PDB file of N, CA and C in Angstrom:
ATOM      1  N   MET A   1     -15.387   0.678 -18.767  1.00  0.00           N
ATOM      2  CA  MET A   1     -14.047   1.169 -19.019  1.00  0.00           C
ATOM      3  C   MET A   1     -13.852   2.519 -18.344  1.00  0.00           C
ATOM      4  N   LEU A   2     -12.709   2.670 -17.717  1.00  0.00           N
ATOM      5  CA  LEU A   2     -12.373   3.951 -17.122  1.00  0.00           C
ATOM      6  C   LEU A   2     -11.674   4.819 -18.153  1.00  0.00           C
ATOM      7  N   ARG A   3     -11.933   6.115 -18.044  1.00  0.00           N
ATOM      8  CA  ARG A   3     -11.277   7.050 -18.942  1.00  0.00           C
ATOM      9  C   ARG A   3     -10.366   7.973 -18.143  1.00  0.00           C
ATOM     10  N   ARG A   4      -9.368   8.474 -18.768  1.00  0.00           N
ATOM     11  CA  ARG A   4      -8.444   9.391 -18.116  1.00  0.00           C
ATOM     12  C   ARG A   4      -9.195  10.664 -17.727  1.00  0.00           C
ATOM     13  N   TYR A   5      -8.904  11.172 -16.521  1.00  0.00           N
ATOM     14  CA  TYR A   5      -9.527  12.408 -16.054  1.00  0.00           C
ATOM     15  C   TYR A   5      -8.792  13.605 -16.632  1.00  0.00           C
ATOM     16  N   ARG A   6      -9.533  14.511 -17.186  1.00  0.00           N
ATOM     17  CA  ARG A   6      -8.975  15.758 -17.703  1.00  0.00           C
ATOM     18  C   ARG A   6      -9.332  16.864 -16.715  1.00  0.00           C
ATOM     19  N   SER A   7      -8.331  17.523 -16.162  1.00  0.00           N
ATOM     20  CA  SER A   7      -8.612  18.541 -15.149  1.00  0.00           C
ATOM     21  C   SER A   7      -9.415  19.683 -15.755  1.00  0.00           C
ATOM     22  N   ASP A   8     -10.282  20.232 -14.918  1.00  0.00           N
ATOM     23  CA  ASP A   8     -11.157  21.304 -15.348  1.00  0.00           C
ATOM     24  C   ASP A   8     -11.320  22.256 -14.165  1.00  0.00           C
ATOM     25  N   PRO A   9     -10.996  23.527 -14.320  1.00  0.00           N
ATOM     26  CA  PRO A   9     -11.102  24.474 -13.204  1.00  0.00           C
ATOM     27  C   PRO A   9     -12.516  24.556 -12.610  1.00  0.00           C
ATOM     28  N   SER A  10     -13.534  24.233 -13.370  1.00  0.00           N
ATOM     29  CA  SER A  10     -14.899  24.293 -12.844  1.00  0.00           C
ATOM     30  C   SER A  10     -15.182  23.151 -11.864  1.00  0.00           C
ATOM     31  N   HIS A  11     -14.305  22.151 -11.795  1.00  0.00           N
ATOM     32  CA  HIS A  11     -14.482  21.036 -10.867  1.00  0.00           C
ATOM     33  C   HIS A  11     -13.932  21.337  -9.472  1.00  0.00           C
ATOM     34  N   VAL A  12     -13.228  22.444  -9.302  1.00  0.00           N
ATOM     35  CA  VAL A  12     -12.617  22.784  -8.023  1.00  0.00           C
ATOM     36  C   VAL A  12     -13.683  23.346  -7.089  1.00  0.00           C
ATOM     37  N   LEU A  13     -13.755  22.786  -5.868  1.00  0.00           N
ATOM     38  CA  LEU A  13     -14.705  23.258  -4.869  1.00  0.00           C
ATOM     39  C   LEU A  13     -13.962  24.013  -3.786  1.00  0.00           C
ATOM     40  N   GLU A  14     -14.523  25.128  -3.371  1.00  0.00           N
ATOM     41  CA  GLU A  14     -13.937  25.899  -2.284  1.00  0.00           C
ATOM     42  C   GLU A  14     -14.394  25.307  -0.952  1.00  0.00           C
ATOM     43  N   PRO A  15     -13.459  24.998  -0.056  1.00  0.00           N
ATOM     44  CA  PRO A  15     -13.858  24.441   1.251  1.00  0.00           C
ATOM     45  C   PRO A  15     -14.526  25.501   2.115  1.00  0.00           C
ATOM     46  N   ASP A  16     -15.456  25.054   2.965  1.00  0.00           N
ATOM     47  CA  ASP A  16     -16.094  25.948   3.919  1.00  0.00           C
ATOM     48  C   ASP A  16     -15.107  26.277   5.032  1.00  0.00           C
ATOM     49  N   ALA A  17     -15.222  27.472   5.568  1.00  0.00           N
ATOM     50  CA  ALA A  17     -14.370  27.860   6.692  1.00  0.00           C
ATOM     51  C   ALA A  17     -14.820  27.101   7.936  1.00  0.00           C
ATOM     52  N   VAL A  18     -13.866  26.596   8.694  1.00  0.00           N
ATOM     53  CA  VAL A  18     -14.163  25.835   9.904  1.00  0.00           C
ATOM     54  C   VAL A  18     -13.629  26.610  11.097  1.00  0.00           C
ATOM     55  N   GLU A  19     -14.516  26.863  12.065  1.00  0.00           N
ATOM     56  CA  GLU A  19     -14.084  27.533  13.283  1.00  0.00           C
ATOM     57  C   GLU A  19     -13.783  26.477  14.334  1.00  0.00           C
ATOM     58  N   LEU A  20     -12.549  26.475  14.839  1.00  0.00           N
ATOM     59  CA  LEU A  20     -12.142  25.495  15.838  1.00  0.00           C
ATOM     60  C   LEU A  20     -12.368  26.035  17.245  1.00  0.00           C
ATOM     61  N   ASN A  21     -12.822  25.157  18.123  1.00  0.00           N
ATOM     62  CA  ASN A  21     -12.938  25.481  19.541  1.00  0.00           C
ATOM     63  C   ASN A  21     -11.555  25.400  20.166  1.00  0.00           C
ATOM     64  N   PRO A  22     -11.374  25.953  21.376  1.00  0.00           N
ATOM     65  CA  PRO A  22     -10.057  25.885  22.035  1.00  0.00           C
ATOM     66  C   PRO A  22      -9.530  24.456  22.201  1.00  0.00           C
ATOM     67  N   ASP A  23     -10.429  23.461  22.315  1.00  0.00           N
ATOM     68  CA  ASP A  23      -9.980  22.074  22.447  1.00  0.00           C
ATOM     69  C   ASP A  23      -9.783  21.401  21.086  1.00  0.00           C
ATOM     70  N   LEU A  24      -9.752  22.214  20.027  1.00  0.00           N
ATOM     71  CA  LEU A  24      -9.545  21.785  18.638  1.00  0.00           C
ATOM     72  C   LEU A  24     -10.701  20.961  18.068  1.00  0.00           C
ATOM     73  N   SER A  25     -11.848  20.975  18.717  1.00  0.00           N
ATOM     74  CA  SER A  25     -13.027  20.334  18.137  1.00  0.00           C
ATOM     75  C   SER A  25     -13.751  21.380  17.292  1.00  0.00           C
ATOM     76  N   TYR A  26     -14.535  20.946  16.332  1.00  0.00           N
ATOM     77  CA  TYR A  26     -15.210  21.909  15.480  1.00  0.00           C
ATOM     78  C   TYR A  26     -16.706  21.666  15.366  1.00  0.00           C
ATOM     79  N   GLU A  27     -17.192  20.529  15.792  1.00  0.00           N
ATOM     80  CA  GLU A  27     -18.623  20.258  15.745  1.00  0.00           C
ATOM     81  C   GLU A  27     -19.057  19.746  17.101  1.00  0.00           C
ATOM     82  N   GLU A  28     -19.914  20.475  17.723  1.00  0.00           N
ATOM     83  CA  GLU A  28     -20.338  20.111  19.070  1.00  0.00           C
ATOM     84  C   GLU A  28     -21.530  19.158  19.018  1.00  0.00           C
ATOM     85  N   PRO A  29     -21.430  17.998  19.674  1.00  0.00           N
ATOM     86  CA  PRO A  29     -22.596  17.110  19.729  1.00  0.00           C
ATOM     87  C   PRO A  29     -23.663  17.731  20.624  1.00  0.00           C
ATOM     88  N   ILE A  30     -24.919  17.680  20.165  1.00  0.00           N
ATOM     89  CA  ILE A  30     -25.981  18.277  20.971  1.00  0.00           C
ATOM     90  C   ILE A  30     -27.014  17.257  21.453  1.00  0.00           C
ATOM     91  N   MET A  31     -27.091  16.089  20.782  1.00  0.00           N
ATOM     92  CA  MET A  31     -28.099  15.118  21.182  1.00  0.00           C
ATOM     93  C   MET A  31     -27.747  13.728  20.673  1.00  0.00           C
ATOM     94  N   ILE A  32     -28.060  12.719  21.488  1.00  0.00           N
ATOM     95  CA  ILE A  32     -27.942  11.327  21.051  1.00  0.00           C
ATOM     96  C   ILE A  32     -29.333  10.885  20.614  1.00  0.00           C
ATOM     97  N   LEU A  33     -29.442  10.489  19.355  1.00  0.00           N
ATOM     98  CA  LEU A  33     -30.740  10.151  18.788  1.00  0.00           C
ATOM     99  C   LEU A  33     -31.119   8.685  18.959  1.00  0.00           C
ATOM    100  N   ASP A  34     -30.121   7.803  18.991  1.00  0.00           N
ATOM    101  CA  ASP A  34     -30.403   6.376  19.041  1.00  0.00           C
ATOM    102  C   ASP A  34     -29.186   5.634  19.570  1.00  0.00           C
ATOM    103  N   ARG A  35     -29.409   4.425  20.048  1.00  0.00           N
ATOM    104  CA  ARG A  35     -28.322   3.552  20.511  1.00  0.00           C
ATOM    105  C   ARG A  35     -28.470   2.198  19.824  1.00  0.00           C
ATOM    106  N   GLU A  36     -27.333   1.537  19.628  1.00  0.00           N
ATOM    107  CA  GLU A  36     -27.344   0.245  18.953  1.00  0.00           C
ATOM    108  C   GLU A  36     -26.127  -0.558  19.399  1.00  0.00           C
ATOM    109  N   VAL A  37     -26.274  -1.857  19.443  1.00  0.00           N
ATOM    110  CA  VAL A  37     -25.148  -2.730  19.775  1.00  0.00           C
ATOM    111  C   VAL A  37     -24.887  -3.618  18.560  1.00  0.00           C
ATOM    112  N   LYS A  38     -23.689  -3.527  18.023  1.00  0.00           N
ATOM    113  CA  LYS A  38     -23.282  -4.359  16.886  1.00  0.00           C
ATOM    114  C   LYS A  38     -22.482  -5.541  17.414  1.00  0.00           C
ATOM    115  N   ARG A  39     -22.796  -6.699  16.946  1.00  0.00           N
ATOM    116  CA  ARG A  39     -22.068  -7.901  17.347  1.00  0.00           C
ATOM    117  C   ARG A  39     -21.107  -8.289  16.228  1.00  0.00           C
ATOM    118  N   LEU A  40     -19.826  -8.310  16.586  1.00  0.00           N
ATOM    119  CA  LEU A  40     -18.800  -8.733  15.642  1.00  0.00           C
ATOM    120  C   LEU A  40     -18.456 -10.182  15.940  1.00  0.00           C
ATOM    121  N   GLN A  41     -17.432 -10.698  15.334  1.00  0.00           N
ATOM    122  CA  GLN A  41     -17.092 -12.109  15.510  1.00  0.00           C
ATOM    123  C   GLN A  41     -16.874 -12.484  16.965  1.00  0.00           C
ATOM    124  N   ASN A  42     -16.087 -11.694  17.672  1.00  0.00           N
ATOM    125  CA  ASN A  42     -15.772 -12.084  19.050  1.00  0.00           C
ATOM    126  C   ASN A  42     -15.945 -10.952  20.063  1.00  0.00           C
ATOM    127  N   LYS A  43     -16.660  -9.887  19.689  1.00  0.00           N
ATOM    128  CA  LYS A  43     -16.918  -8.813  20.640  1.00  0.00           C
ATOM    129  C   LYS A  43     -18.158  -8.025  20.222  1.00  0.00           C
ATOM    130  N   THR A  44     -18.617  -7.182  21.118  1.00  0.00           N
ATOM    131  CA  THR A  44     -19.746  -6.310  20.808  1.00  0.00           C
ATOM    132  C   THR A  44     -19.293  -4.859  20.899  1.00  0.00           C
ATOM    133  N   VAL A  45     -19.894  -4.011  20.079  1.00  0.00           N
ATOM    134  CA  VAL A  45     -19.548  -2.591  20.047  1.00  0.00           C
ATOM    135  C   VAL A  45     -20.827  -1.791  20.246  1.00  0.00           C
ATOM    136  N   SER A  46     -20.819  -0.914  21.254  1.00  0.00           N
ATOM    137  CA  SER A  46     -21.963  -0.029  21.497  1.00  0.00           C
ATOM    138  C   SER A  46     -21.809   1.217  20.644  1.00  0.00           C
ATOM    139  N   LEU A  47     -22.850   1.531  19.875  1.00  0.00           N
ATOM    140  CA  LEU A  47     -22.831   2.708  19.011  1.00  0.00           C
ATOM    141  C   LEU A  47     -23.939   3.667  19.418  1.00  0.00           C
ATOM    142  N   VAL A  48     -23.706   4.960  19.168  1.00  0.00           N
ATOM    143  CA  VAL A  48     -24.730   5.974  19.384  1.00  0.00           C
ATOM    144  C   VAL A  48     -24.846   6.813  18.118  1.00  0.00           C
ATOM    145  N   LYS A  49     -26.071   7.224  17.805  1.00  0.00           N
ATOM    146  CA  LYS A  49     -26.300   8.090  16.660  1.00  0.00           C
ATOM    147  C   LYS A  49     -26.314   9.524  17.175  1.00  0.00           C
ATOM    148  N   VAL A  50     -25.344  10.332  16.728  1.00  0.00           N
ATOM    149  CA  VAL A  50     -25.099  11.654  17.294  1.00  0.00           C
ATOM    150  C   VAL A  50     -25.526  12.752  16.322  1.00  0.00           C
ATOM    151  N   LEU A  51     -26.314  13.675  16.852  1.00  0.00           N
ATOM    152  CA  LEU A  51     -26.680  14.873  16.104  1.00  0.00           C
ATOM    153  C   LEU A  51     -25.755  15.993  16.544  1.00  0.00           C
ATOM    154  N   ARG A  52     -25.152  16.674  15.593  1.00  0.00           N
ATOM    155  CA  ARG A  52     -24.204  17.744  15.915  1.00  0.00           C
ATOM    156  C   ARG A  52     -24.809  19.100  15.577  1.00  0.00           C
ATOM    157  N   ARG A  53     -24.301  20.114  16.264  1.00  0.00           N
ATOM    158  CA  ARG A  53     -24.795  21.480  16.069  1.00  0.00           C
ATOM    159  C   ARG A  53     -24.657  21.882  14.601  1.00  0.00           C
ATOM    160  N   ASN A  54     -25.651  22.591  14.102  1.00  0.00           N
ATOM    161  CA  ASN A  54     -25.695  23.099  12.725  1.00  0.00           C
ATOM    162  C   ASN A  54     -25.800  21.990  11.680  1.00  0.00           C
ATOM    163  N   HIS A  55     -26.298  20.807  12.069  1.00  0.00           N
ATOM    164  CA  HIS A  55     -26.515  19.724  11.123  1.00  0.00           C
ATOM    165  C   HIS A  55     -27.969  19.290  11.192  1.00  0.00           C
ATOM    166  N   LYS A  56     -28.452  18.733  10.118  1.00  0.00           N
ATOM    167  CA  LYS A  56     -29.816  18.205  10.076  1.00  0.00           C
ATOM    168  C   LYS A  56     -29.824  16.800  10.663  1.00  0.00           C
ATOM    169  N   GLU A  57     -31.001  16.344  11.042  1.00  0.00           N
ATOM    170  CA  GLU A  57     -31.124  15.007  11.628  1.00  0.00           C
ATOM    171  C   GLU A  57     -30.681  13.921  10.641  1.00  0.00           C
ATOM    172  N   GLU A  58     -30.871  14.146   9.350  1.00  0.00           N
ATOM    173  CA  GLU A  58     -30.446  13.173   8.335  1.00  0.00           C
ATOM    174  C   GLU A  58     -28.922  13.043   8.281  1.00  0.00           C
ATOM    175  N   GLU A  59     -28.211  14.038   8.787  1.00  0.00           N
ATOM    176  CA  GLU A  59     -26.751  14.028   8.752  1.00  0.00           C
ATOM    177  C   GLU A  59     -26.133  13.477  10.027  1.00  0.00           C
ATOM    178  N   ALA A  60     -26.956  12.969  10.934  1.00  0.00           N
ATOM    179  CA  ALA A  60     -26.439  12.390  12.180  1.00  0.00           C
ATOM    180  C   ALA A  60     -25.560  11.191  11.846  1.00  0.00           C
ATOM    181  N   THR A  61     -24.541  10.958  12.667  1.00  0.00           N
ATOM    182  CA  THR A  61     -23.580   9.892  12.393  1.00  0.00           C
ATOM    183  C   THR A  61     -23.550   8.870  13.522  1.00  0.00           C
ATOM    184  N   TRP A  62     -23.253   7.624  13.169  1.00  0.00           N
ATOM    185  CA  TRP A  62     -23.075   6.558  14.156  1.00  0.00           C
ATOM    186  C   TRP A  62     -21.633   6.574  14.599  1.00  0.00           C
ATOM    187  N   GLU A  63     -21.417   6.605  15.925  1.00  0.00           N
ATOM    188  CA  GLU A  63     -20.067   6.642  16.481  1.00  0.00           C
ATOM    189  C   GLU A  63     -19.982   5.699  17.665  1.00  0.00           C
ATOM    190  N   PRO A  64     -18.791   5.193  17.944  1.00  0.00           N
ATOM    191  CA  PRO A  64     -18.627   4.343  19.144  1.00  0.00           C
ATOM    192  C   PRO A  64     -18.994   5.129  20.403  1.00  0.00           C
ATOM    193  N   GLU A  65     -19.697   4.507  21.305  1.00  0.00           N
ATOM    194  CA  GLU A  65     -20.150   5.186  22.513  1.00  0.00           C
ATOM    195  C   GLU A  65     -18.983   5.683  23.352  1.00  0.00           C
ATOM    196  N   GLU A  66     -17.860   4.990  23.348  1.00  0.00           N
ATOM    197  CA  GLU A  66     -16.706   5.382  24.152  1.00  0.00           C
ATOM    198  C   GLU A  66     -16.201   6.759  23.770  1.00  0.00           C
ATOM    199  N   THR A  67     -16.262   7.121  22.487  1.00  0.00           N
ATOM    200  CA  THR A  67     -15.757   8.426  22.059  1.00  0.00           C
ATOM    201  C   THR A  67     -16.644   9.554  22.550  1.00  0.00           C
ATOM    202  N   MET A  68     -17.885   9.287  22.859  1.00  0.00           N
ATOM    203  CA  MET A  68     -18.803  10.332  23.299  1.00  0.00           C
ATOM    204  C   MET A  68     -18.623  10.653  24.783  1.00  0.00           C
ATOM    205  N   ARG A  69     -17.924   9.837  25.523  1.00  0.00           N
ATOM    206  CA  ARG A  69     -17.731  10.062  26.956  1.00  0.00           C
ATOM    207  C   ARG A  69     -16.574  11.012  27.237  1.00  0.00           C
ATOM    208  N   GLU A  70     -15.764  11.300  26.255  1.00  0.00           N
ATOM    209  CA  GLU A  70     -14.576  12.150  26.461  1.00  0.00           C
ATOM    210  C   GLU A  70     -14.965  13.583  26.656  1.00  0.00           C
TER     211      GLU A  70
END
């Protein structure tokens, strides 16, 4: 059973400040850790595991390879 949420000021989190680059990006990719090809019903998608600056290796994300070429 779900219960109604009661607001509590202690639940509010302060966001971290984000510094934007001139091209409006904020996290610079520094290394590709792995590559993978996913097969969908009627196409294949190339993925890369990207490590970004100021992140740990456990926080690396899988992204479409096409977005990394920009």
